[in-house]
Protein backbone atom coordinates (compact mmCIF):
# COMPACT_ATOMS: atom_id res chain seq x y z
CA MET A 1 22.58 -23.08 -60.87
CA ALA A 2 24.22 -24.94 -57.96
CA ASN A 3 23.59 -21.98 -55.65
CA SER A 4 19.95 -21.82 -56.80
CA LYS A 5 19.43 -25.50 -55.98
CA THR A 6 21.10 -25.03 -52.59
CA ARG A 7 18.86 -22.12 -51.64
CA LEU A 8 15.79 -24.04 -52.80
CA GLY A 9 16.82 -27.00 -50.63
CA VAL A 10 17.48 -24.75 -47.64
CA SER A 11 14.07 -23.10 -48.03
CA ALA A 12 12.32 -26.48 -48.32
CA TYR A 13 14.06 -27.75 -45.19
CA ALA A 14 13.14 -24.61 -43.25
CA ILE A 15 9.47 -24.93 -44.26
CA VAL A 16 9.37 -28.57 -43.12
CA VAL A 17 10.96 -27.65 -39.77
CA PHE A 18 8.55 -24.78 -39.16
CA VAL A 19 5.53 -26.92 -40.04
CA PHE A 20 6.82 -29.77 -37.86
CA THR A 21 7.38 -27.59 -34.79
CA LEU A 22 4.34 -25.33 -35.15
CA ALA A 23 2.00 -28.29 -35.71
CA SER A 24 3.87 -30.73 -33.47
CA ASN A 25 0.68 -31.88 -31.72
CA GLY A 26 -0.87 -32.70 -35.07
CA VAL A 27 2.24 -34.58 -36.17
CA ARG A 28 2.08 -36.66 -32.99
CA ASN A 29 -1.60 -37.37 -33.59
CA LEU A 30 -0.73 -38.57 -37.10
CA LEU A 31 2.45 -40.54 -36.37
CA GLY A 32 2.20 -41.38 -32.69
CA TRP A 33 5.06 -40.72 -30.30
CA PRO A 34 7.51 -43.23 -31.89
CA GLY A 35 7.03 -41.74 -35.36
CA PHE A 36 7.25 -38.21 -34.00
CA ILE A 37 10.54 -38.90 -32.20
CA ALA A 38 12.01 -40.59 -35.28
CA ALA A 39 11.01 -37.65 -37.50
CA ALA A 40 12.49 -35.16 -35.02
CA ILE A 41 15.84 -37.00 -34.98
CA VAL A 42 15.92 -37.10 -38.79
CA LEU A 43 15.20 -33.36 -39.06
CA ALA A 44 17.91 -32.56 -36.52
CA ALA A 45 20.41 -34.77 -38.36
CA VAL A 46 19.59 -33.17 -41.72
CA GLY A 47 19.95 -29.71 -40.20
CA GLY A 48 23.34 -30.57 -38.74
CA ILE A 49 24.60 -32.04 -42.02
CA MET A 50 23.30 -29.07 -44.00
CA PHE A 51 24.97 -26.64 -41.60
CA LEU A 52 28.32 -28.46 -41.79
CA LYS A 53 28.22 -28.57 -45.60
CA MET A 54 27.39 -24.89 -45.97
CA ARG A 55 29.91 -23.86 -43.28
CA PRO A 56 29.07 -20.17 -42.71
CA GLU A 57 32.49 -18.52 -42.92
CA ARG A 58 32.12 -16.12 -40.01
CA PHE A 59 30.32 -18.53 -37.70
CA ARG A 60 31.89 -19.05 -34.28
CA TRP A 61 30.19 -21.02 -31.53
CA TYR A 62 31.50 -18.67 -28.87
CA ARG A 63 29.70 -15.75 -30.56
CA LEU A 64 26.28 -17.18 -29.73
CA PRO A 65 24.52 -15.52 -26.77
CA SER A 66 26.09 -16.91 -23.62
CA PRO A 67 22.74 -17.42 -21.81
CA ILE A 68 21.97 -20.17 -24.35
CA TYR A 69 25.06 -22.14 -23.35
CA LEU A 70 24.62 -21.53 -19.65
CA PHE A 71 20.93 -22.46 -19.66
CA LEU A 72 21.55 -25.69 -21.59
CA ALA A 73 24.54 -26.53 -19.38
CA LEU A 74 22.43 -26.09 -16.25
CA ALA A 75 19.66 -28.24 -17.75
CA ALA A 76 22.20 -30.98 -18.53
CA CYS A 77 23.74 -30.77 -15.05
CA SER A 78 20.31 -31.01 -13.46
CA ILE A 79 20.25 -34.67 -14.47
CA LEU A 80 22.60 -35.25 -11.52
CA TRP A 81 20.06 -34.09 -8.92
CA SER A 82 16.88 -34.89 -10.84
CA GLN A 83 14.23 -37.07 -9.20
CA TYR A 84 13.40 -38.52 -12.65
CA ARG A 85 16.75 -39.00 -14.37
CA LEU A 86 15.58 -40.93 -17.42
CA GLU A 87 12.93 -38.32 -18.19
CA SER A 88 15.50 -35.55 -17.60
CA VAL A 89 17.87 -37.16 -20.08
CA LEU A 90 15.12 -37.29 -22.69
CA GLY A 91 14.13 -33.68 -21.96
CA VAL A 92 17.71 -32.43 -22.25
CA VAL A 93 18.27 -34.32 -25.52
CA ALA A 94 15.07 -32.80 -26.96
CA GLN A 95 16.23 -29.33 -25.88
CA LEU A 96 19.66 -29.79 -27.44
CA LEU A 97 18.25 -31.10 -30.73
CA THR A 98 15.81 -28.20 -30.98
CA THR A 99 18.63 -25.76 -30.25
CA LEU A 100 20.81 -27.36 -32.93
CA VAL A 101 18.08 -26.95 -35.55
CA ALA A 102 17.38 -23.37 -34.46
CA VAL A 103 21.05 -22.38 -34.69
CA ALA A 104 21.37 -24.06 -38.09
CA LEU A 105 18.37 -22.14 -39.42
CA ALA A 106 19.67 -18.91 -37.93
CA PHE A 107 22.89 -19.08 -39.91
CA ILE A 108 21.86 -20.71 -43.18
CA LEU A 109 18.83 -18.46 -43.72
CA THR A 110 18.86 -14.73 -44.33
CA TRP A 111 16.31 -12.62 -42.48
CA HIS A 112 14.21 -12.41 -45.61
CA GLU A 113 14.37 -16.16 -46.26
CA THR A 114 13.29 -16.71 -42.66
CA LEU A 115 10.29 -14.44 -43.15
CA ARG A 116 9.36 -16.12 -46.42
CA THR A 117 9.71 -19.73 -45.24
CA LEU A 118 7.93 -19.05 -41.95
CA GLY A 119 5.09 -17.45 -43.89
CA THR A 120 4.82 -20.46 -46.19
CA ALA A 121 4.79 -22.86 -43.22
CA LEU A 122 2.05 -20.83 -41.53
CA ARG A 123 -0.05 -21.02 -44.68
CA TYR A 124 0.22 -24.80 -44.65
CA VAL A 125 -0.63 -25.10 -40.95
CA ILE A 126 -3.52 -22.62 -40.95
CA GLY A 127 -4.93 -23.76 -44.29
CA LEU A 128 -4.76 -27.47 -43.53
CA SER A 129 -6.15 -26.91 -40.03
CA LEU A 130 -9.20 -25.10 -41.34
CA LEU A 131 -9.71 -27.78 -44.02
CA PHE A 132 -9.37 -30.46 -41.35
CA GLU A 133 -12.05 -28.83 -39.22
CA LEU A 134 -14.27 -28.43 -42.29
CA TRP A 135 -13.81 -32.13 -43.16
CA VAL A 136 -14.73 -33.17 -39.62
CA SER A 137 -17.86 -31.01 -39.60
CA LEU A 138 -19.04 -31.98 -43.12
CA PHE A 139 -18.22 -35.68 -43.31
CA VAL A 140 -17.33 -37.08 -39.87
CA GLN A 141 -19.91 -35.05 -37.93
CA HIS A 142 -18.69 -36.06 -34.49
CA PRO A 143 -15.63 -35.38 -32.32
CA VAL A 144 -12.42 -37.07 -33.49
CA LEU A 145 -9.77 -38.70 -31.33
CA PRO A 146 -6.20 -39.46 -32.49
CA TRP A 147 -6.24 -42.74 -34.40
CA TRP A 148 -4.01 -44.53 -31.89
CA ILE A 149 -6.47 -43.97 -29.02
CA GLU A 150 -9.08 -46.75 -28.95
CA LEU A 151 -12.01 -46.46 -26.58
CA THR A 152 -15.20 -48.38 -25.99
CA ALA A 153 -18.58 -46.64 -26.27
CA THR A 154 -18.76 -46.32 -22.48
CA GLN A 155 -15.28 -44.87 -22.29
CA GLU A 156 -16.03 -42.35 -25.06
CA GLU A 157 -18.85 -40.87 -23.00
CA LYS A 158 -16.38 -40.16 -20.19
CA THR A 159 -13.49 -39.08 -22.42
CA PRO A 160 -12.02 -35.68 -21.39
CA LYS A 161 -12.56 -32.99 -24.01
CA LEU A 162 -8.86 -32.14 -24.03
CA LEU A 163 -8.05 -35.55 -25.54
CA TYR A 164 -10.02 -34.90 -28.72
CA TRP A 165 -8.15 -33.91 -31.87
CA SER A 166 -11.24 -32.06 -33.09
CA ARG A 167 -14.50 -31.50 -31.25
CA ASP A 168 -16.55 -30.76 -34.39
CA LEU A 169 -17.36 -27.18 -33.41
CA LEU A 170 -16.68 -25.33 -36.66
CA PHE A 171 -20.35 -24.81 -37.57
CA ASP A 172 -21.06 -23.91 -33.93
CA GLY A 173 -18.59 -21.03 -34.13
CA GLY A 174 -15.81 -22.76 -32.24
CA PRO A 175 -13.62 -22.93 -30.34
CA ILE A 176 -11.92 -25.03 -33.00
CA GLN A 177 -8.60 -26.78 -32.42
CA GLY A 178 -7.14 -27.28 -35.91
CA LEU A 179 -4.46 -29.84 -36.64
CA VAL A 180 -2.67 -28.93 -33.41
CA GLY A 181 -5.59 -30.19 -31.31
CA SER A 182 -5.68 -27.12 -29.07
CA SER A 183 -7.66 -23.93 -29.49
CA THR A 184 -5.06 -21.92 -27.56
CA LEU A 185 -2.13 -23.17 -29.63
CA PHE A 186 -4.05 -22.81 -32.88
CA GLY A 187 -5.09 -19.30 -31.89
CA PHE A 188 -1.46 -18.37 -31.25
CA ILE A 189 -0.50 -19.75 -34.66
CA GLY A 190 -3.20 -17.48 -36.08
CA LEU A 191 -1.61 -14.54 -34.26
CA ILE A 192 1.84 -15.35 -35.66
CA GLY A 193 0.27 -15.68 -39.09
CA LEU A 194 -1.39 -12.27 -38.75
CA ILE A 195 1.98 -10.70 -37.93
CA ILE A 196 3.87 -12.39 -40.77
CA PHE A 197 1.20 -11.98 -43.46
CA ALA A 198 0.55 -8.33 -42.58
CA ILE A 199 4.28 -7.57 -42.78
CA GLN A 200 4.60 -9.39 -46.11
CA LEU A 201 1.55 -7.56 -47.46
CA ARG A 202 2.76 -4.14 -46.32
CA ALA A 203 6.26 -4.78 -47.72
CA ARG A 204 4.74 -6.04 -51.00
CA LEU A 205 6.54 -9.37 -50.71
CA ILE A 206 3.38 -11.21 -51.75
CA THR A 207 0.50 -10.28 -54.05
CA ARG A 208 -2.30 -8.16 -52.63
CA PHE A 209 -4.84 -10.96 -53.12
CA ALA A 210 -2.67 -13.55 -51.34
CA GLY A 211 -1.79 -11.09 -48.60
CA TRP A 212 -5.34 -10.07 -47.79
CA PHE A 213 -6.59 -13.66 -48.11
CA TRP A 214 -4.15 -14.99 -45.52
CA VAL A 215 -4.66 -12.02 -43.24
CA ALA A 216 -8.37 -12.88 -43.38
CA MET A 217 -7.62 -16.56 -42.64
CA SER A 218 -5.53 -15.54 -39.63
CA LEU A 219 -8.30 -13.29 -38.33
CA ALA A 220 -10.78 -16.13 -38.86
CA THR A 221 -8.52 -18.42 -36.85
CA LEU A 222 -8.40 -15.90 -34.01
CA ALA A 223 -12.18 -15.52 -34.09
CA LEU A 224 -12.89 -19.26 -34.22
CA THR A 225 -10.45 -20.20 -31.46
CA ARG A 226 -11.57 -17.44 -29.08
CA SER A 227 -8.55 -17.77 -26.80
CA ALA A 228 -8.49 -15.07 -24.12
CA THR A 229 -4.72 -15.34 -23.65
CA VAL A 230 -4.12 -14.99 -27.40
CA THR A 231 -6.43 -11.96 -27.46
CA VAL A 232 -4.30 -10.37 -24.75
CA ALA A 233 -1.17 -11.18 -26.79
CA LEU A 234 -2.78 -9.58 -29.87
CA VAL A 235 -3.44 -6.37 -27.93
CA ALA A 236 0.17 -6.38 -26.73
CA VAL A 237 1.44 -6.80 -30.30
CA VAL A 238 -0.66 -3.86 -31.51
CA ILE A 239 0.65 -1.68 -28.67
CA ALA A 240 4.24 -2.80 -29.41
CA LEU A 241 3.79 -1.93 -33.08
CA ALA A 242 2.56 1.54 -32.17
CA PHE A 243 5.61 2.12 -29.97
CA ALA A 244 7.98 0.83 -32.67
CA LEU A 245 6.51 3.19 -35.26
CA TRP A 246 6.67 6.06 -32.77
CA ALA A 247 10.33 5.28 -32.05
CA ARG A 248 11.09 5.25 -35.77
CA ARG A 249 9.60 8.71 -36.19
CA SER A 250 11.37 10.05 -33.10
CA GLY A 251 14.84 8.89 -34.15
CA PRO A 252 17.62 7.73 -31.80
CA VAL A 253 17.99 11.10 -30.03
CA GLY A 254 14.29 11.70 -29.40
CA ARG A 255 13.20 8.43 -27.86
CA LEU A 256 13.16 9.37 -24.19
CA PRO A 257 9.38 10.08 -24.25
CA VAL A 258 8.89 6.69 -25.97
CA TYR A 259 10.71 4.84 -23.19
CA ILE A 260 9.03 6.82 -20.39
CA THR A 261 5.58 6.18 -21.86
CA GLY A 262 6.50 2.51 -22.40
CA ALA A 263 7.49 2.17 -18.73
CA VAL A 264 4.18 3.73 -17.64
CA VAL A 265 2.21 1.40 -19.92
CA LEU A 266 4.07 -1.67 -18.61
CA ALA A 267 3.39 -0.57 -15.03
CA ALA A 268 -0.28 -0.10 -15.83
CA ILE A 269 -0.47 -3.54 -17.46
CA ALA A 270 1.21 -5.12 -14.44
CA GLY A 271 -1.30 -3.40 -12.15
CA ILE A 272 -4.23 -4.63 -14.23
CA ALA A 273 -2.83 -8.18 -14.21
CA LEU A 274 -2.51 -8.11 -10.42
CA PHE A 275 -5.63 -6.25 -9.35
CA ALA A 276 -8.12 -6.22 -12.23
CA ARG A 277 -7.65 -9.64 -13.81
CA SER A 278 -11.22 -10.71 -13.09
CA TRP A 279 -12.66 -7.64 -14.82
CA VAL A 280 -10.49 -8.03 -17.91
CA PHE A 281 -11.25 -11.70 -18.41
CA SER A 282 -14.94 -11.18 -17.74
CA LEU A 283 -14.93 -8.84 -20.75
CA LEU A 284 -13.45 -11.71 -22.77
CA GLY A 285 -15.99 -14.19 -21.43
CA LYS A 286 -13.42 -16.12 -19.41
CA SER A 287 -13.07 -16.97 -15.73
CA SER A 288 -10.60 -15.05 -13.60
CA ASP A 289 -8.66 -18.23 -12.78
CA LEU A 290 -7.61 -18.52 -16.45
CA THR A 291 -9.29 -21.91 -16.98
CA GLY A 292 -7.74 -23.48 -13.90
CA ARG A 293 -4.26 -22.06 -14.46
CA VAL A 294 -4.22 -20.30 -11.08
CA ASP A 295 -4.63 -23.63 -9.27
CA THR A 296 -1.77 -25.08 -11.32
CA TRP A 297 0.42 -22.08 -10.54
CA GLU A 298 -0.23 -22.43 -6.82
CA GLY A 299 0.82 -26.09 -6.92
CA VAL A 300 3.93 -25.28 -8.94
CA ILE A 301 4.95 -22.48 -6.56
CA ALA A 302 4.54 -24.78 -3.57
CA LEU A 303 6.80 -27.39 -5.21
CA ALA A 304 9.36 -24.85 -6.39
CA GLN A 305 9.71 -23.47 -2.87
CA GLN A 306 10.85 -26.90 -1.70
CA ARG A 307 13.87 -26.70 -4.02
CA PRO A 308 14.14 -23.00 -4.76
CA TRP A 309 17.70 -22.65 -6.09
CA PHE A 310 18.31 -25.50 -8.55
CA GLY A 311 14.84 -26.98 -8.99
CA TRP A 312 13.69 -30.55 -9.42
CA GLY A 313 15.54 -31.22 -12.68
CA TRP A 314 14.88 -30.34 -16.30
CA ILE A 315 12.12 -32.32 -17.99
CA SER A 316 10.67 -30.08 -20.74
CA TYR A 317 7.20 -31.66 -21.19
CA TRP A 318 6.01 -32.89 -17.82
CA ALA A 319 5.95 -36.65 -17.37
CA PRO A 320 2.64 -37.37 -15.57
CA TRP A 321 3.77 -40.87 -14.58
CA VAL A 322 6.54 -39.67 -12.23
CA GLU A 323 6.46 -37.61 -9.06
CA PRO A 324 6.03 -34.77 -8.34
CA TYR A 325 4.12 -34.27 -11.62
CA LYS A 326 1.98 -37.38 -11.17
CA SER A 327 -0.03 -35.83 -8.36
CA LEU A 328 0.48 -32.14 -9.14
CA ASP A 329 -2.69 -31.19 -11.01
CA VAL A 330 -5.41 -32.48 -13.29
CA GLN A 331 -7.45 -30.32 -15.66
CA GLY A 332 -10.37 -31.46 -17.76
CA GLY A 333 -9.86 -35.03 -16.60
CA ILE A 334 -6.25 -35.42 -17.80
CA PRO A 335 -2.89 -34.68 -16.14
CA VAL A 336 -1.39 -31.25 -16.76
CA MET A 337 1.68 -31.34 -19.04
CA SER A 338 3.18 -27.95 -18.12
CA ALA A 339 2.92 -25.13 -15.59
CA HIS A 340 1.09 -22.94 -18.17
CA ASN A 341 3.68 -20.29 -17.33
CA ALA A 342 7.21 -20.52 -18.70
CA TRP A 343 8.75 -18.56 -15.84
CA LEU A 344 7.21 -20.78 -13.18
CA ASP A 345 8.21 -23.85 -15.21
CA VAL A 346 11.84 -22.73 -15.28
CA TRP A 347 11.75 -22.02 -11.54
CA LEU A 348 10.22 -25.44 -10.85
CA GLN A 349 12.70 -27.35 -13.02
CA LEU A 350 15.92 -25.30 -12.73
CA GLY A 351 15.28 -23.06 -9.75
CA ILE A 352 16.22 -19.43 -9.26
CA VAL A 353 19.56 -20.08 -10.97
CA GLY A 354 17.69 -21.19 -14.09
CA LEU A 355 15.57 -18.04 -14.00
CA LEU A 356 18.72 -15.92 -13.73
CA LEU A 357 19.84 -17.47 -17.04
CA PHE A 358 16.48 -17.56 -18.82
CA VAL A 359 15.55 -13.94 -18.08
CA PRO A 360 18.69 -12.49 -19.78
CA LEU A 361 18.18 -14.77 -22.80
CA VAL A 362 14.67 -13.44 -23.36
CA ALA A 363 15.39 -9.84 -22.37
CA LEU A 364 18.53 -9.47 -24.51
CA THR A 365 16.80 -11.00 -27.53
CA LEU A 366 13.83 -8.65 -27.12
CA TRP A 367 16.19 -5.69 -26.72
CA ARG A 368 18.17 -6.53 -29.89
CA VAL A 369 15.17 -7.13 -32.12
CA TRP A 370 13.70 -3.86 -30.81
CA PHE A 371 16.68 -1.89 -32.12
CA ARG A 372 16.61 -3.83 -35.37
CA ALA A 373 12.98 -2.77 -35.75
CA VAL A 374 13.40 0.92 -34.94
CA ASP A 375 16.90 1.84 -36.18
CA GLN A 376 17.58 2.60 -39.82
CA PRO A 377 19.95 0.09 -41.49
CA ARG A 378 23.17 1.36 -43.02
CA ARG A 379 25.22 0.34 -46.03
CA GLY A 380 28.78 0.49 -44.69
CA TYR A 381 29.69 4.08 -43.86
CA GLY A 382 27.13 5.58 -46.24
CA PRO A 383 23.87 7.27 -45.35
CA PRO A 384 21.19 5.20 -43.62
CA LEU A 385 18.80 3.26 -45.81
CA PRO A 386 15.03 3.78 -45.67
CA TYR A 387 13.22 1.98 -42.89
CA ALA A 388 12.27 -1.58 -43.86
CA THR A 389 8.80 -2.83 -42.99
CA SER A 390 10.17 -6.38 -42.87
CA ALA A 391 12.48 -5.42 -39.99
CA LEU A 392 9.47 -5.23 -37.65
CA TRP A 393 8.43 -8.88 -37.60
CA PRO A 394 11.16 -10.27 -35.26
CA PHE A 395 10.25 -7.70 -32.60
CA LEU A 396 6.50 -8.29 -32.91
CA LEU A 397 7.02 -12.05 -32.83
CA MET A 398 9.14 -11.78 -29.68
CA VAL A 399 6.45 -9.66 -28.01
CA ALA A 400 3.87 -12.32 -28.81
CA LEU A 401 6.13 -15.09 -27.46
CA VAL A 402 6.88 -13.20 -24.24
CA VAL A 403 3.23 -12.34 -23.55
CA GLN A 404 2.18 -15.93 -24.24
CA SER A 405 4.89 -17.18 -21.86
CA PHE A 406 2.87 -15.89 -18.88
CA ALA A 407 -0.06 -18.21 -19.69
CA GLU A 408 1.69 -21.04 -21.57
CA SER A 409 5.11 -22.74 -21.38
CA ARG A 410 5.40 -23.10 -25.15
CA ILE A 411 8.42 -20.81 -25.35
CA LEU A 412 10.43 -23.57 -23.64
CA ILE A 413 9.61 -26.33 -26.13
CA GLU A 414 9.26 -27.06 -29.83
CA SER A 415 8.21 -24.04 -31.93
CA GLY A 416 8.55 -21.59 -29.04
CA TRP A 417 12.11 -22.60 -28.20
CA LEU A 418 13.04 -22.86 -31.88
CA LEU A 419 11.86 -19.31 -32.62
CA LEU A 420 13.43 -17.92 -29.44
CA ILE A 421 16.87 -19.43 -30.10
CA MET A 422 16.74 -18.58 -33.80
CA LEU A 423 15.95 -14.93 -33.08
CA ALA A 424 18.51 -14.81 -30.28
CA ALA A 425 21.25 -16.14 -32.54
CA LYS A 426 20.38 -14.03 -35.58
CA SER A 427 20.00 -10.81 -33.61
CA ARG A 428 23.29 -11.43 -31.77
CA PHE A 429 25.46 -12.27 -34.73
CA ASP A 430 23.94 -11.66 -38.14
CA PHE A 431 26.00 -12.85 -41.10
CA GLU A 432 24.08 -10.91 -43.73
CA LEU A 433 25.58 -7.93 -45.52
CA PRO A 434 24.37 -4.65 -44.03
CA SER A 435 22.63 -3.80 -47.32
CA LEU A 436 20.34 -6.83 -46.92
CA ASP A 437 18.62 -5.04 -44.05
CA ALA A 438 16.83 -2.95 -46.67
CA GLU A 439 13.41 -3.90 -47.93
CA PRO A 440 13.60 -7.01 -50.15
CA GLN A 441 11.62 -7.44 -53.32
CA ARG A 442 9.40 -10.34 -54.34
CA MET A 443 11.53 -12.89 -56.21
CA PRO A 444 11.41 -16.57 -57.23
CA TRP A 445 12.02 -19.11 -54.46
CA ARG A 446 15.43 -20.21 -55.60
CA GLN A 447 16.95 -16.72 -55.62
CA VAL A 448 18.33 -14.80 -52.66
CA PRO A 449 16.34 -11.58 -52.06
CA ILE A 450 18.05 -8.39 -53.25
CA PRO A 451 17.18 -5.06 -51.62
CA ARG A 452 15.38 -2.64 -53.90
CA GLU A 453 17.91 0.09 -53.14
CA ILE A 454 20.83 -1.84 -54.66
CA ALA A 455 19.06 -4.20 -57.09
CA PRO A 456 19.91 -3.80 -60.78
CA ALA A 457 17.21 -2.19 -62.88
CA THR A 458 16.64 -5.44 -64.74
CA THR A 459 15.50 -7.24 -61.56
CA ALA A 460 12.90 -4.71 -60.49
CA ARG A 461 9.24 -5.63 -60.82
C-alpha cells in the first residue's frame, strides 16, 4: 500500500511538471512572472526532496553524461565575463533548477511511467488549449491579452499580435495559439502528442477510443496551428520512424544499407535547406525568410563573431532591456526573446566552446535512444525479448526536438531542456530491470507496469 501511494504521488508530480513546462507561457499569463517564478522554485524543491527520499540505490552523479556537467559549468563560469551579470545569474539558476527536476524525473520514473505521465500531461495541455480557444470564440469574441497587461483603446489598436494570448481565430481556421499563446509552440505540443498517443495506441496502453480521440485532437492541433516549422518536424519524425522500423527488420548485422541511405537522406535534406528553402516554404504557404528568422540569425551571427570562443554570457531567455539584446531585433512590434535557433543561441551566449559541449550532449542522446528503439531488449543472458512499440517514443521525440532546434531555441529552456536532460540521463544510465524494456500492459495508475512476457497470468487483461 505504501509503495502504491508513493508511485501515485510520483506520477502526480511528474504530470504537474510536464504541464508546467509544456504550457509555461500559459502559466505565466495566468500567474504573472512573480507567480511563475515562485511555482517553479516550489516544483524544483519538491522534486529534490522526493529524489532524496526515494534515493535510487544505483544512482551516482558521476554516471550522468559528462556534457551536462561541462555545459552547466561553462554557463555558470560565463557569469564572470558576462555583459549582463544579474541576468546571467538568473539564467544559470533557471537552467540548474530545470536540470535538477529533469534528473529527478529520470531516476524516479520508469520508462513506462514517463510515457504514461507525459501522455496525461499532453492531454491536459491540448484539451484545455482547445477549450480555451473555443471559449474565446464563443463567449469573448475578440482577441484576449494576458490579464496583467492593461491597455487603453488607442493602445489596443497598435498592440502587436504576438502579445495576444488568443487572437480569436478558431472559427476562422487558425492559426490558433492555445494556452501557450503561440501557434508554433502549440503546434509542436500537438506533434509531441501525436507521437505519444500513437505509440500508446499501437502498444495498447490506452483504450482504442481514447487513443484515436487524442490522435485526432493532435492532428487537429497541427491543422489549426499551421506552423511550417512543425510540419517540417512532422515529416522528419515520419522519416525517422521508417528508418527505425527498417533497422529493426534488418537486425544489428544488416544495418549498413540503413546507415548509408540515412546519410544520403540527411545530405539531401541539408541541400534542400541551403538551396531550395524558398521552394519548400512556398509549398507550405510561408515566406522563405521563415517569418523574419533569417534577419534575426544574421544579427546573431554578427554578434557571435565579436566574441566567437566564449560568447557574451549565458542568459537563457533574452533580456530585451540589456545590450546587446536591446537593439538586436524586433519582430511583430516586440523585442525578440531568442535567436530562433538553438545552435546559434549557444554560439552567441557560450561561444564555440559551448557548441563543442552542446553538440555531444544532443548527438550522444540521439545515438543512445536510437539503439534503444531498434535493438531488441534482453532479459539477462536469455534470448532477446520481442520488440517493444513503446521503445520508439524517446527516439522520435528526440528527432522532433532536434529538428525544431533549427527554427526555435526551445530545446535550451523549460520543456525542451527538461526533455533533453531527462532523455540524456535515462538513456545513459537506466535503473530499470532489463525485463522492463518489454512491452508494458495497461494497469491502474498506482501500480508499476509489468511486461506482458513476465506478468503473472492473473494480471493479464
